[in-house]
Amino acid sequence: MKLTILFGGEAGQGPNLLSNILGKALIKIGYHVFISREYQSLIRGGHNFNALTFSDKPVYSNESKIDMIICLDENTEKIHKKELKSNGIILKGSKENISYVWISEFWKKN
């Protein structure tokens, strides 16, 4: 099993923080994790995203196709939808709502 999640939003909205928190949690329960960070702007408001790939086997890079996009802003879906797998999931909303929905959706798929 290998899944890739993209966290995207404006600089300062938390894509980096969310991917790091989830990555640490996944490592604690035994998964292998690889996170990459892409930031187009260091100024608050520019689009930033992190890709997190995790697996039960060692992971050395992110997958090119994404299983889940977590949108912290409106642009993330527009920018990254073309990278989503045909059975992929797009989550939109506040950081608080997304974390609960993510857990629910992940466990449904696995």
PDB file of N, CA and C in Angstrom:
ATOM      1  N   MET A   1       0.845  -1.173   0.000  1.00  0.00           N
ATOM      2  CA  MET A   1       0.000   0.000   0.000  1.00  0.00           C
ATOM      3  C   MET A   1       0.889   1.235   0.000  1.00  0.00           C
ATOM      4  N   LYS A   2       0.604   2.153  -0.923  1.00  0.00           N
ATOM      5  CA  LYS A   2       1.328   3.410  -0.994  1.00  0.00           C
ATOM      6  C   LYS A   2       0.333   4.501  -1.373  1.00  0.00           C
ATOM      7  N   LEU A   3       0.300   5.590  -0.601  1.00  0.00           N
ATOM      8  CA  LEU A   3      -0.603   6.701  -0.877  1.00  0.00           C
ATOM      9  C   LEU A   3       0.166   8.014  -0.876  1.00  0.00           C
ATOM     10  N   THR A   4      -0.251   8.936  -1.740  1.00  0.00           N
ATOM     11  CA  THR A   4       0.336  10.271  -1.792  1.00  0.00           C
ATOM     12  C   THR A   4      -0.748  11.304  -1.566  1.00  0.00           C
ATOM     13  N   ILE A   5      -0.459  12.230  -0.646  1.00  0.00           N
ATOM     14  CA  ILE A   5      -1.388  13.303  -0.292  1.00  0.00           C
ATOM     15  C   ILE A   5      -0.704  14.631  -0.582  1.00  0.00           C
ATOM     16  N   LEU A   6      -1.416  15.533  -1.227  1.00  0.00           N
ATOM     17  CA  LEU A   6      -0.912  16.877  -1.463  1.00  0.00           C
ATOM     18  C   LEU A   6      -1.674  17.856  -0.581  1.00  0.00           C
ATOM     19  N   PHE A   7      -0.943  18.650   0.190  1.00  0.00           N
ATOM     20  CA  PHE A   7      -1.511  19.709   1.022  1.00  0.00           C
ATOM     21  C   PHE A   7      -1.183  21.017   0.330  1.00  0.00           C
ATOM     22  N   GLY A   8      -2.179  21.805  -0.068  1.00  0.00           N
ATOM     23  CA  GLY A   8      -1.899  23.051  -0.763  1.00  0.00           C
ATOM     24  C   GLY A   8      -2.677  24.213  -0.201  1.00  0.00           C
ATOM     25  N   GLY A   9      -2.067  25.391  -0.279  1.00  0.00           N
ATOM     26  CA  GLY A   9      -2.735  26.598   0.190  1.00  0.00           C
ATOM     27  C   GLY A   9      -1.826  27.806   0.055  1.00  0.00           C
ATOM     28  N   GLU A  10      -2.311  28.925   0.549  1.00  0.00           N
ATOM     29  CA  GLU A  10      -1.515  30.139   0.535  1.00  0.00           C
ATOM     30  C   GLU A  10      -0.406  30.017   1.565  1.00  0.00           C
ATOM     31  N   ALA A  11       0.691  30.718   1.303  1.00  0.00           N
ATOM     32  CA  ALA A  11       1.770  30.762   2.286  1.00  0.00           C
ATOM     33  C   ALA A  11       1.198  31.253   3.609  1.00  0.00           C
ATOM     34  N   GLY A  12       1.519  30.557   4.675  1.00  0.00           N
ATOM     35  CA  GLY A  12       1.011  30.931   5.993  1.00  0.00           C
ATOM     36  C   GLY A  12      -0.242  30.190   6.406  1.00  0.00           C
ATOM     37  N   GLN A  13      -0.896  29.461   5.491  1.00  0.00           N
ATOM     38  CA  GLN A  13      -2.115  28.729   5.848  1.00  0.00           C
ATOM     39  C   GLN A  13      -1.834  27.389   6.503  1.00  0.00           C
ATOM     40  N   GLY A  14      -0.636  26.854   6.337  1.00  0.00           N
ATOM     41  CA  GLY A  14      -0.298  25.642   7.061  1.00  0.00           C
ATOM     42  C   GLY A  14      -0.067  24.360   6.292  1.00  0.00           C
ATOM     43  N   PRO A  15       0.132  24.374   4.948  1.00  0.00           N
ATOM     44  CA  PRO A  15       0.374  23.085   4.292  1.00  0.00           C
ATOM     45  C   PRO A  15       1.616  22.380   4.831  1.00  0.00           C
ATOM     46  N   ASN A  16       2.647  23.130   5.156  1.00  0.00           N
ATOM     47  CA  ASN A  16       3.872  22.545   5.690  1.00  0.00           C
ATOM     48  C   ASN A  16       3.620  21.939   7.076  1.00  0.00           C
ATOM     49  N   LEU A  17       2.955  22.676   7.924  1.00  0.00           N
ATOM     50  CA  LEU A  17       2.656  22.210   9.274  1.00  0.00           C
ATOM     51  C   LEU A  17       1.800  20.949   9.249  1.00  0.00           C
ATOM     52  N   LEU A  18       0.744  20.951   8.441  1.00  0.00           N
ATOM     53  CA  LEU A  18      -0.154  19.791   8.382  1.00  0.00           C
ATOM     54  C   LEU A  18       0.564  18.545   7.870  1.00  0.00           C
ATOM     55  N   SER A  19       1.385  18.689   6.838  1.00  0.00           N
ATOM     56  CA  SER A  19       2.084  17.515   6.305  1.00  0.00           C
ATOM     57  C   SER A  19       3.099  16.983   7.312  1.00  0.00           C
ATOM     58  N   ASN A  20       3.758  17.879   8.042  1.00  0.00           N
ATOM     59  CA  ASN A  20       4.716  17.420   9.051  1.00  0.00           C
ATOM     60  C   ASN A  20       4.029  16.713  10.214  1.00  0.00           C
ATOM     61  N   ILE A  21       2.906  17.241  10.664  1.00  0.00           N
ATOM     62  CA  ILE A  21       2.169  16.588  11.759  1.00  0.00           C
ATOM     63  C   ILE A  21       1.699  15.203  11.333  1.00  0.00           C
ATOM     64  N   LEU A  22       1.086  15.112  10.154  1.00  0.00           N
ATOM     65  CA  LEU A  22       0.609  13.813   9.676  1.00  0.00           C
ATOM     66  C   LEU A  22       1.777  12.861   9.450  1.00  0.00           C
ATOM     67  N   GLY A  23       2.874  13.366   8.868  1.00  0.00           N
ATOM     68  CA  GLY A  23       4.049  12.524   8.632  1.00  0.00           C
ATOM     69  C   GLY A  23       4.588  11.919   9.915  1.00  0.00           C
ATOM     70  N   LYS A  24       4.717  12.731  10.962  1.00  0.00           N
ATOM     71  CA  LYS A  24       5.202  12.230  12.254  1.00  0.00           C
ATOM     72  C   LYS A  24       4.251  11.194  12.840  1.00  0.00           C
ATOM     73  N   ALA A  25       2.950  11.438  12.715  1.00  0.00           N
ATOM     74  CA  ALA A  25       1.960  10.482  13.226  1.00  0.00           C
ATOM     75  C   ALA A  25       2.054   9.150  12.476  1.00  0.00           C
ATOM     76  N   LEU A  26       2.207   9.214  11.160  1.00  0.00           N
ATOM     77  CA  LEU A  26       2.301   7.984  10.365  1.00  0.00           C
ATOM     78  C   LEU A  26       3.569   7.206  10.707  1.00  0.00           C
ATOM     79  N   ILE A  27       4.681   7.891  10.933  1.00  0.00           N
ATOM     80  CA  ILE A  27       5.922   7.224  11.328  1.00  0.00           C
ATOM     81  C   ILE A  27       5.738   6.530  12.677  1.00  0.00           C
ATOM     82  N   LYS A  28       5.068   7.196  13.599  1.00  0.00           N
ATOM     83  CA  LYS A  28       4.860   6.608  14.933  1.00  0.00           C
ATOM     84  C   LYS A  28       4.051   5.322  14.882  1.00  0.00           C
ATOM     85  N   ILE A  29       3.151   5.197  13.895  1.00  0.00           N
ATOM     86  CA  ILE A  29       2.359   3.962  13.817  1.00  0.00           C
ATOM     87  C   ILE A  29       2.959   2.954  12.828  1.00  0.00           C
ATOM     88  N   GLY A  30       4.186   3.246  12.355  1.00  0.00           N
ATOM     89  CA  GLY A  30       4.916   2.236  11.599  1.00  0.00           C
ATOM     90  C   GLY A  30       5.049   2.419  10.102  1.00  0.00           C
ATOM     91  N   TYR A  31       4.554   3.503   9.535  1.00  0.00           N
ATOM     92  CA  TYR A  31       4.675   3.718   8.092  1.00  0.00           C
ATOM     93  C   TYR A  31       5.999   4.393   7.745  1.00  0.00           C
ATOM     94  N   HIS A  32       6.425   4.193   6.514  1.00  0.00           N
ATOM     95  CA  HIS A  32       7.572   4.907   5.950  1.00  0.00           C
ATOM     96  C   HIS A  32       7.008   6.139   5.255  1.00  0.00           C
ATOM     97  N   VAL A  33       7.687   7.286   5.400  1.00  0.00           N
ATOM     98  CA  VAL A  33       7.145   8.558   4.916  1.00  0.00           C
ATOM     99  C   VAL A  33       8.206   9.326   4.140  1.00  0.00           C
ATOM    100  N   PHE A  34       7.771   9.956   3.043  1.00  0.00           N
ATOM    101  CA  PHE A  34       8.620  10.880   2.284  1.00  0.00           C
ATOM    102  C   PHE A  34       7.808  12.152   2.042  1.00  0.00           C
ATOM    103  N   ILE A  35       8.355  13.313   2.431  1.00  0.00           N
ATOM    104  CA  ILE A  35       7.666  14.593   2.260  1.00  0.00           C
ATOM    105  C   ILE A  35       8.540  15.518   1.420  1.00  0.00           C
ATOM    106  N   SER A  36       7.923  16.144   0.429  1.00  0.00           N
ATOM    107  CA  SER A  36       8.620  17.190  -0.330  1.00  0.00           C
ATOM    108  C   SER A  36       7.843  18.489  -0.184  1.00  0.00           C
ATOM    109  N   ARG A  37       8.563  19.586  -0.245  1.00  0.00           N
ATOM    110  CA  ARG A  37       7.954  20.901  -0.042  1.00  0.00           C
ATOM    111  C   ARG A  37       8.227  21.773  -1.256  1.00  0.00           C
ATOM    112  N   GLU A  38       7.184  22.403  -1.756  1.00  0.00           N
ATOM    113  CA  GLU A  38       7.295  23.316  -2.893  1.00  0.00           C
ATOM    114  C   GLU A  38       6.719  24.650  -2.468  1.00  0.00           C
ATOM    115  N   TYR A  39       7.501  25.665  -2.500  1.00  0.00           N
ATOM    116  CA  TYR A  39       6.984  26.981  -2.136  1.00  0.00           C
ATOM    117  C   TYR A  39       7.371  27.981  -3.205  1.00  0.00           C
ATOM    118  N   GLN A  40       6.337  28.576  -3.784  1.00  0.00           N
ATOM    119  CA  GLN A  40       6.539  29.545  -4.851  1.00  0.00           C
ATOM    120  C   GLN A  40       6.683  30.948  -4.304  1.00  0.00           C
ATOM    121  N   SER A  41       6.292  31.122  -3.062  1.00  0.00           N
ATOM    122  CA  SER A  41       6.374  32.452  -2.480  1.00  0.00           C
ATOM    123  C   SER A  41       6.643  32.339  -0.993  1.00  0.00           C
ATOM    124  N   LEU A  42       7.620  33.073  -0.513  1.00  0.00           N
ATOM    125  CA  LEU A  42       7.875  33.123   0.918  1.00  0.00           C
ATOM    126  C   LEU A  42       7.030  34.199   1.580  1.00  0.00           C
ATOM    127  N   ILE A  43       6.351  34.992   0.768  1.00  0.00           N
ATOM    128  CA  ILE A  43       5.496  36.058   1.277  1.00  0.00           C
ATOM    129  C   ILE A  43       4.103  35.492   1.486  1.00  0.00           C
ATOM    130  N   ARG A  44       3.486  35.840   2.593  1.00  0.00           N
ATOM    131  CA  ARG A  44       2.144  35.345   2.899  1.00  0.00           C
ATOM    132  C   ARG A  44       1.214  35.602   1.714  1.00  0.00           C
ATOM    133  N   GLY A  45       0.541  34.554   1.265  1.00  0.00           N
ATOM    134  CA  GLY A  45      -0.430  34.687   0.194  1.00  0.00           C
ATOM    135  C   GLY A  45      -0.070  33.941  -1.071  1.00  0.00           C
ATOM    136  N   GLY A  46       1.216  33.645  -1.331  1.00  0.00           N
ATOM    137  CA  GLY A  46       1.604  32.886  -2.521  1.00  0.00           C
ATOM    138  C   GLY A  46       1.256  31.414  -2.344  1.00  0.00           C
ATOM    139  N   HIS A  47       1.126  30.671  -3.453  1.00  0.00           N
ATOM    140  CA  HIS A  47       0.738  29.259  -3.381  1.00  0.00           C
ATOM    141  C   HIS A  47       1.917  28.393  -2.946  1.00  0.00           C
ATOM    142  N   ASN A  48       1.690  27.567  -1.946  1.00  0.00           N
ATOM    143  CA  ASN A  48       2.663  26.597  -1.455  1.00  0.00           C
ATOM    144  C   ASN A  48       1.988  25.236  -1.367  1.00  0.00           C
ATOM    145  N   PHE A  49       2.780  24.187  -1.508  1.00  0.00           N
ATOM    146  CA  PHE A  49       2.217  22.856  -1.297  1.00  0.00           C
ATOM    147  C   PHE A  49       3.283  21.871  -0.852  1.00  0.00           C
ATOM    148  N   ASN A  50       2.838  20.859  -0.155  1.00  0.00           N
ATOM    149  CA  ASN A  50       3.682  19.757   0.280  1.00  0.00           C
ATOM    150  C   ASN A  50       3.048  18.472  -0.228  1.00  0.00           C
ATOM    151  N   ALA A  51       3.888  17.541  -0.661  1.00  0.00           N
ATOM    152  CA  ALA A  51       3.414  16.211  -1.031  1.00  0.00           C
ATOM    153  C   ALA A  51       3.968  15.226  -0.015  1.00  0.00           C
ATOM    154  N   LEU A  52       3.098  14.373   0.496  1.00  0.00           N
ATOM    155  CA  LEU A  52       3.471  13.371   1.484  1.00  0.00           C
ATOM    156  C   LEU A  52       3.112  12.008   0.909  1.00  0.00           C
ATOM    157  N   THR A  53       4.111  11.153   0.775  1.00  0.00           N
ATOM    158  CA  THR A  53       3.873   9.783   0.330  1.00  0.00           C
ATOM    159  C   THR A  53       4.208   8.864   1.498  1.00  0.00           C
ATOM    160  N   PHE A  54       3.307   7.931   1.783  1.00  0.00           N
ATOM    161  CA  PHE A  54       3.599   6.969   2.841  1.00  0.00           C
ATOM    162  C   PHE A  54       3.246   5.563   2.384  1.00  0.00           C
ATOM    163  N   SER A  55       3.944   4.603   2.986  1.00  0.00           N
ATOM    164  CA  SER A  55       3.788   3.216   2.579  1.00  0.00           C
ATOM    165  C   SER A  55       4.213   2.297   3.717  1.00  0.00           C
ATOM    166  N   ASP A  56       3.808   1.035   3.591  1.00  0.00           N
ATOM    167  CA  ASP A  56       4.276   0.039   4.544  1.00  0.00           C
ATOM    168  C   ASP A  56       5.675  -0.461   4.175  1.00  0.00           C
ATOM    169  N   LYS A  57       6.189  -0.031   3.015  1.00  0.00           N
ATOM    170  CA  LYS A  57       7.553  -0.346   2.568  1.00  0.00           C
ATOM    171  C   LYS A  57       8.344   0.964   2.463  1.00  0.00           C
ATOM    172  N   PRO A  58       9.661   0.920   2.459  1.00  0.00           N
ATOM    173  CA  PRO A  58      10.449   2.158   2.361  1.00  0.00           C
ATOM    174  C   PRO A  58      10.042   3.016   1.158  1.00  0.00           C
ATOM    175  N   VAL A  59      10.064   4.331   1.349  1.00  0.00           N
ATOM    176  CA  VAL A  59       9.663   5.301   0.330  1.00  0.00           C
ATOM    177  C   VAL A  59      10.834   6.262   0.105  1.00  0.00           C
ATOM    178  N   TYR A  60      11.218   6.468  -1.154  1.00  0.00           N
ATOM    179  CA  TYR A  60      12.367   7.323  -1.461  1.00  0.00           C
ATOM    180  C   TYR A  60      12.019   8.552  -2.294  1.00  0.00           C
ATOM    181  N   SER A  61      10.740   8.649  -2.682  1.00  0.00           N
ATOM    182  CA  SER A  61      10.288   9.815  -3.449  1.00  0.00           C
ATOM    183  C   SER A  61       8.765   9.863  -3.407  1.00  0.00           C
ATOM    184  N   ASN A  62       8.210  10.958  -3.898  1.00  0.00           N
ATOM    185  CA  ASN A  62       6.757  11.075  -4.013  1.00  0.00           C
ATOM    186  C   ASN A  62       6.298  10.460  -5.321  1.00  0.00           C
ATOM    187  N   GLU A  63       5.085   9.985  -5.336  1.00  0.00           N
ATOM    188  CA  GLU A  63       4.465   9.499  -6.562  1.00  0.00           C
ATOM    189  C   GLU A  63       4.087  10.689  -7.445  1.00  0.00           C
ATOM    190  N   SER A  64       4.048  10.510  -8.751  1.00  0.00           N
ATOM    191  CA  SER A  64       3.670  11.615  -9.639  1.00  0.00           C
ATOM    192  C   SER A  64       2.154  11.842  -9.655  1.00  0.00           C
ATOM    193  N   LYS A  65       1.388  10.799  -9.392  1.00  0.00           N
ATOM    194  CA  LYS A  65      -0.066  10.928  -9.303  1.00  0.00           C
ATOM    195  C   LYS A  65      -0.475  10.935  -7.836  1.00  0.00           C
ATOM    196  N   ILE A  66      -1.483  11.733  -7.512  1.00  0.00           N
ATOM    197  CA  ILE A  66      -1.870  11.991  -6.137  1.00  0.00           C
ATOM    198  C   ILE A  66      -3.169  11.266  -5.802  1.00  0.00           C
ATOM    199  N   ASP A  67      -3.224  10.687  -4.594  1.00  0.00           N
ATOM    200  CA  ASP A  67      -4.427  10.002  -4.121  1.00  0.00           C
ATOM    201  C   ASP A  67      -5.405  10.960  -3.461  1.00  0.00           C
ATOM    202  N   MET A  68      -4.880  12.008  -2.823  1.00  0.00           N
ATOM    203  CA  MET A  68      -5.739  12.936  -2.101  1.00  0.00           C
ATOM    204  C   MET A  68      -5.134  14.339  -2.163  1.00  0.00           C
ATOM    205  N   ILE A  69      -5.993  15.324  -2.429  1.00  0.00           N
ATOM    206  CA  ILE A  69      -5.587  16.732  -2.383  1.00  0.00           C
ATOM    207  C   ILE A  69      -6.343  17.379  -1.238  1.00  0.00           C
ATOM    208  N   ILE A  70      -5.606  18.002  -0.342  1.00  0.00           N
ATOM    209  CA  ILE A  70      -6.209  18.736   0.762  1.00  0.00           C
ATOM    210  C   ILE A  70      -6.048  20.211   0.444  1.00  0.00           C
ATOM    211  N   CYS A  71      -7.167  20.869   0.147  1.00  0.00           N
ATOM    212  CA  CYS A  71      -7.187  22.257  -0.319  1.00  0.00           C
ATOM    213  C   CYS A  71      -7.429  23.206   0.848  1.00  0.00           C
ATOM    214  N   LEU A  72      -6.437  24.021   1.143  1.00  0.00           N
ATOM    215  CA  LEU A  72      -6.598  25.039   2.167  1.00  0.00           C
ATOM    216  C   LEU A  72      -7.012  26.375   1.557  1.00  0.00           C
ATOM    217  N   ASP A  73      -7.051  26.423   0.223  1.00  0.00           N
ATOM    218  CA  ASP A  73      -7.528  27.617  -0.484  1.00  0.00           C
ATOM    219  C   ASP A  73      -8.197  27.184  -1.781  1.00  0.00           C
ATOM    220  N   GLU A  74      -8.780  28.150  -2.483  1.00  0.00           N
ATOM    221  CA  GLU A  74      -9.504  27.867  -3.734  1.00  0.00           C
ATOM    222  C   GLU A  74      -8.572  27.458  -4.876  1.00  0.00           C
ATOM    223  N   ASN A  75      -7.356  27.995  -4.930  1.00  0.00           N
ATOM    224  CA  ASN A  75      -6.453  27.735  -6.046  1.00  0.00           C
ATOM    225  C   ASN A  75      -5.878  26.333  -6.070  1.00  0.00           C
ATOM    226  N   THR A  76      -5.762  25.698  -4.928  1.00  0.00           N
ATOM    227  CA  THR A  76      -5.114  24.389  -4.865  1.00  0.00           C
ATOM    228  C   THR A  76      -5.793  23.373  -5.779  1.00  0.00           C
ATOM    229  N   GLU A  77      -7.106  23.302  -5.739  1.00  0.00           N
ATOM    230  CA  GLU A  77      -7.809  22.355  -6.612  1.00  0.00           C
ATOM    231  C   GLU A  77      -7.557  22.671  -8.075  1.00  0.00           C
ATOM    232  N   LYS A  78      -7.649  23.942  -8.448  1.00  0.00           N
ATOM    233  CA  LYS A  78      -7.433  24.343  -9.848  1.00  0.00           C
ATOM    234  C   LYS A  78      -6.034  23.979 -10.322  1.00  0.00           C
ATOM    235  N   ILE A  79      -5.042  24.205  -9.479  1.00  0.00           N
ATOM    236  CA  ILE A  79      -3.648  23.993  -9.862  1.00  0.00           C
ATOM    237  C   ILE A  79      -3.295  22.504  -9.940  1.00  0.00           C
ATOM    238  N   HIS A  80      -3.808  21.689  -9.015  1.00  0.00           N
ATOM    239  CA  HIS A  80      -3.327  20.314  -8.866  1.00  0.00           C
ATOM    240  C   HIS A  80      -4.306  19.222  -9.284  1.00  0.00           C
ATOM    241  N   LYS A  81      -5.522  19.571  -9.675  1.00  0.00           N
ATOM    242  CA  LYS A  81      -6.522  18.554 -10.014  1.00  0.00           C
ATOM    243  C   LYS A  81      -6.039  17.612 -11.119  1.00  0.00           C
ATOM    244  N   LYS A  82      -5.260  18.114 -12.056  1.00  0.00           N
ATOM    245  CA  LYS A  82      -4.775  17.282 -13.167  1.00  0.00           C
ATOM    246  C   LYS A  82      -3.816  16.186 -12.704  1.00  0.00           C
ATOM    247  N   GLU A  83      -3.267  16.323 -11.489  1.00  0.00           N
ATOM    248  CA  GLU A  83      -2.344  15.336 -10.930  1.00  0.00           C
ATOM    249  C   GLU A  83      -3.064  14.254 -10.126  1.00  0.00           C
ATOM    250  N   LEU A  84      -4.367  14.412  -9.915  1.00  0.00           N
ATOM    251  CA  LEU A  84      -5.151  13.498  -9.087  1.00  0.00           C
ATOM    252  C   LEU A  84      -5.447  12.202  -9.837  1.00  0.00           C
ATOM    253  N   LYS A  85      -5.308  11.074  -9.149  1.00  0.00           N
ATOM    254  CA  LYS A  85      -5.684   9.788  -9.733  1.00  0.00           C
ATOM    255  C   LYS A  85      -7.180   9.776 -10.004  1.00  0.00           C
ATOM    256  N   SER A  86      -7.630   8.912 -10.898  1.00  0.00           N
ATOM    257  CA  SER A  86      -9.054   8.871 -11.270  1.00  0.00           C
ATOM    258  C   SER A  86      -9.956   8.557 -10.072  1.00  0.00           C
ATOM    259  N   ASN A  87      -9.461   7.809  -9.114  1.00  0.00           N
ATOM    260  CA  ASN A  87     -10.251   7.488  -7.922  1.00  0.00           C
ATOM    261  C   ASN A  87      -9.828   8.342  -6.721  1.00  0.00           C
ATOM    262  N   GLY A  88      -9.123   9.438  -6.981  1.00  0.00           N
ATOM    263  CA  GLY A  88      -8.617  10.295  -5.912  1.00  0.00           C
ATOM    264  C   GLY A  88      -9.699  11.114  -5.233  1.00  0.00           C
ATOM    265  N   ILE A  89      -9.327  11.697  -4.103  1.00  0.00           N
ATOM    266  CA  ILE A  89     -10.253  12.461  -3.264  1.00  0.00           C
ATOM    267  C   ILE A  89      -9.738  13.888  -3.137  1.00  0.00           C
ATOM    268  N   ILE A  90     -10.662  14.849  -3.203  1.00  0.00           N
ATOM    269  CA  ILE A  90     -10.325  16.251  -2.953  1.00  0.00           C
ATOM    270  C   ILE A  90     -11.077  16.687  -1.703  1.00  0.00           C
ATOM    271  N   LEU A  91     -10.332  17.185  -0.713  1.00  0.00           N
ATOM    272  CA  LEU A  91     -10.938  17.693   0.517  1.00  0.00           C
ATOM    273  C   LEU A  91     -10.758  19.197   0.557  1.00  0.00           C
ATOM    274  N   LYS A  92     -11.844  19.897   0.887  1.00  0.00           N
ATOM    275  CA  LYS A  92     -11.803  21.351   0.976  1.00  0.00           C
ATOM    276  C   LYS A  92     -12.400  21.780   2.299  1.00  0.00           C
ATOM    277  N   GLY A  93     -11.905  22.875   2.836  1.00  0.00           N
ATOM    278  CA  GLY A  93     -12.477  23.394   4.068  1.00  0.00           C
ATOM    279  C   GLY A  93     -11.414  23.900   5.012  1.00  0.00           C
ATOM    280  N   SER A  94     -11.828  24.152   6.240  1.00  0.00           N
ATOM    281  CA  SER A  94     -10.886  24.659   7.236  1.00  0.00           C
ATOM    282  C   SER A  94      -9.933  23.550   7.673  1.00  0.00           C
ATOM    283  N   LYS A  95      -8.816  23.932   8.239  1.00  0.00           N
ATOM    284  CA  LYS A  95      -7.831  22.960   8.725  1.00  0.00           C
ATOM    285  C   LYS A  95      -8.454  21.994   9.721  1.00  0.00           C
ATOM    286  N   GLU A  96      -9.319  22.502  10.588  1.00  0.00           N
ATOM    287  CA  GLU A  96      -9.923  21.657  11.614  1.00  0.00           C
ATOM    288  C   GLU A  96     -10.832  20.606  10.984  1.00  0.00           C
ATOM    289  N   ASN A  97     -11.679  21.008  10.045  1.00  0.00           N
ATOM    290  CA  ASN A  97     -12.588  20.061   9.394  1.00  0.00           C
ATOM    291  C   ASN A  97     -11.826  19.053   8.557  1.00  0.00           C
ATOM    292  N   ILE A  98     -10.796  19.514   7.867  1.00  0.00           N
ATOM    293  CA  ILE A  98     -10.037  18.635   6.985  1.00  0.00           C
ATOM    294  C   ILE A  98      -9.388  17.499   7.759  1.00  0.00           C
ATOM    295  N   SER A  99      -8.866  17.768   8.932  1.00  0.00           N
ATOM    296  CA  SER A  99      -8.177  16.715   9.675  1.00  0.00           C
ATOM    297  C   SER A  99      -9.140  15.584  10.038  1.00  0.00           C
ATOM    298  N   TYR A 100     -10.368  15.901  10.412  1.00  0.00           N
ATOM    299  CA  TYR A 100     -11.336  14.854  10.746  1.00  0.00           C
ATOM    300  C   TYR A 100     -11.804  14.112   9.502  1.00  0.00           C
ATOM    301  N   VAL A 101     -12.045  14.831   8.434  1.00  0.00           N
ATOM    302  CA  VAL A 101     -12.502  14.196   7.196  1.00  0.00           C
ATOM    303  C   VAL A 101     -11.415  13.296   6.638  1.00  0.00           C
ATOM    304  N   TRP A 102     -10.165  13.764   6.692  1.00  0.00           N
ATOM    305  CA  TRP A 102      -9.032  12.974   6.181  1.00  0.00           C
ATOM    306  C   TRP A 102      -8.974  11.624   6.878  1.00  0.00           C
ATOM    307  N   ILE A 103      -9.066  11.608   8.188  1.00  0.00           N
ATOM    308  CA  ILE A 103      -8.987  10.353   8.940  1.00  0.00           C
ATOM    309  C   ILE A 103     -10.108   9.425   8.501  1.00  0.00           C
ATOM    310  N   SER A 104     -11.300   9.955   8.359  1.00  0.00           N
ATOM    311  CA  SER A 104     -12.457   9.170   7.942  1.00  0.00           C
ATOM    312  C   SER A 104     -12.244   8.584   6.541  1.00  0.00           C
ATOM    313  N   GLU A 105     -11.836   9.401   5.596  1.00  0.00           N
ATOM    314  CA  GLU A 105     -11.654   8.951   4.207  1.00  0.00           C
ATOM    315  C   GLU A 105     -10.517   7.935   4.093  1.00  0.00           C
ATOM    316  N   PHE A 106      -9.420   8.170   4.820  1.00  0.00           N
ATOM    317  CA  PHE A 106      -8.290   7.254   4.769  1.00  0.00           C
ATOM    318  C   PHE A 106      -8.698   5.860   5.221  1.00  0.00           C
ATOM    319  N   TRP A 107      -9.402   5.777   6.331  1.00  0.00           N
ATOM    320  CA  TRP A 107      -9.749   4.464   6.852  1.00  0.00           C
ATOM    321  C   TRP A 107     -10.802   3.780   6.004  1.00  0.00           C
ATOM    322  N   LYS A 108     -11.633   4.538   5.285  1.00  0.00           N
ATOM    323  CA  LYS A 108     -12.593   3.909   4.359  1.00  0.00           C
ATOM    324  C   LYS A 108     -11.864   3.211   3.221  1.00  0.00           C
ATOM    325  N   LYS A 109     -10.762   3.844   2.725  1.00  0.00           N
ATOM    326  CA  LYS A 109     -10.033   3.296   1.578  1.00  0.00           C
ATOM    327  C   LYS A 109      -9.171   2.101   1.952  1.00  0.00           C
ATOM    328  N   ASN A 110      -8.796   1.969   3.221  1.00  0.00           N
ATOM    329  CA  ASN A 110      -7.826   0.939   3.606  1.00  0.00           C
ATOM    330  C   ASN A 110      -8.386  -0.076   4.563  1.00  0.00           C
TER     331      ASN A 110
END
